[in-house]
Every structure is written in structure tokens, then in C-alpha cells.
Amino acid sequence: MKEGDQVDAAAEYQHQLNERSTAEARNKLAPETHPDFDGAHCVDCGDDMPELRLQMKRVRCVICQTVKERDDKK
């Protein structure tokens, strides 16, 4: 493989990684939906949602979201 081809391949690979990272970040920031969300209570524990979490368009309290993210990594 020529040096120019290697540079092009590396640039394409970096572009793909950047695109994937950007998409993942956007997905994390996207408003959440859940069929059981009533607009006021965490869908997992049922506790009142903090106003800031509601403004962020989240459906889980911080504790339940942390548990969900930890479990998703398994």
C-alpha cells in the first residue's frame, strides 16, 4: 500500500470515528420518551422528577439514570 493510500485510509477511519462519536453524543442529548412517563414521576422508581430533569426532557431521576447507564455497560 502506498503512503498516500495509508494516509487516506487513516483519514477515512478518523472521519468514521468522529461521525460515530458525534451521533452518540447527540443521542444522549435527545429528549427521552417512555410510554409510562406521566410528565412528573420517574418511570423506574416513581419519585417526583426534579424540575431540572423535566426541563432536560428526561424520564428518569438521576439515581435511576445512573443505574440504567451502569447496567447498559454490562
Protein backbone atom coordinates (compact mmCIF):
# COMPACT_ATOMS: atom_id res chain seq x y z
CA MET A 1 0.00 0.00 0.00
CA LYS A 2 1.35 3.42 -0.94
CA GLU A 3 1.97 6.04 1.73
CA GLY A 4 -0.75 8.29 0.26
CA ASP A 5 -3.21 5.40 0.41
CA GLN A 6 -2.36 4.81 4.07
CA VAL A 7 -2.89 8.48 4.87
CA ASP A 8 -6.24 8.43 3.05
CA ALA A 9 -7.29 5.27 4.87
CA ALA A 10 -6.31 6.76 8.22
CA ALA A 11 -8.21 9.96 7.46
CA GLU A 12 -11.31 7.98 6.47
CA TYR A 13 -11.09 5.91 9.64
CA GLN A 14 -10.77 9.06 11.76
CA HIS A 15 -13.77 10.56 9.96
CA GLN A 16 -15.84 7.46 10.75
CA LEU A 17 -14.83 7.61 14.42
CA ASN A 18 -15.75 11.29 14.59
CA GLU A 19 -19.14 10.64 12.98
CA ARG A 20 -19.88 7.82 15.41
CA SER A 21 -18.86 9.93 18.42
CA THR A 22 -20.99 12.84 17.25
CA ALA A 23 -24.02 10.59 16.73
CA GLU A 24 -23.60 9.04 20.19
CA ALA A 25 -23.37 12.49 21.82
CA ARG A 26 -26.49 13.69 20.00
CA ASN A 27 -28.40 10.57 21.06
CA LYS A 28 -27.51 11.19 24.69
CA LEU A 29 -28.82 14.76 24.46
CA ALA A 30 -32.02 13.90 22.58
CA PRO A 31 -35.29 14.20 24.51
CA GLU A 32 -36.37 10.89 26.01
CA THR A 33 -39.73 9.25 25.66
CA HIS A 34 -41.29 6.35 27.53
CA PRO A 35 -44.85 5.03 27.33
CA ASP A 36 -45.16 5.04 31.13
CA PHE A 37 -43.88 8.60 31.66
CA ASP A 38 -46.62 10.79 33.11
CA GLY A 39 -44.62 14.01 32.90
CA ALA A 40 -43.97 14.26 36.63
CA HIS A 41 -42.60 10.97 38.02
CA CYS A 42 -39.55 8.82 37.31
CA VAL A 43 -40.54 5.86 35.12
CA ASP A 44 -38.40 3.49 37.20
CA CYS A 45 -38.88 4.43 40.85
CA GLY A 46 -41.99 6.65 40.70
CA ASP A 47 -40.43 9.51 42.68
CA ASP A 48 -41.19 13.09 41.72
CA MET A 49 -38.87 14.27 38.96
CA PRO A 50 -36.68 17.28 39.76
CA GLU A 51 -37.64 20.33 37.71
CA LEU A 52 -34.24 20.46 36.03
CA ARG A 53 -34.58 16.85 34.81
CA LEU A 54 -38.01 17.71 33.40
CA GLN A 55 -36.58 20.75 31.61
CA MET A 56 -33.92 18.47 30.13
CA LYS A 57 -36.70 16.22 28.77
CA ARG A 58 -35.60 13.24 30.88
CA VAL A 59 -37.86 10.43 32.11
CA ARG A 60 -35.69 9.10 34.97
CA CYS A 61 -34.36 10.69 38.13
CA VAL A 62 -30.57 10.99 38.45
CA ILE A 63 -30.26 7.87 40.60
CA CYS A 64 -32.29 5.67 38.24
CA GLN A 65 -30.49 7.09 35.20
CA THR A 66 -27.13 6.28 36.80
CA VAL A 67 -28.24 2.71 37.49
CA LYS A 68 -29.55 2.36 33.92
CA GLU A 69 -26.29 3.61 32.41
CA ARG A 70 -24.27 1.28 34.62
CA ASP A 71 -26.45 -1.69 33.64
CA ASP A 72 -26.29 -0.76 29.96
CA LYS A 73 -22.48 -1.05 30.08
CA LYS A 74 -22.65 -4.69 31.18
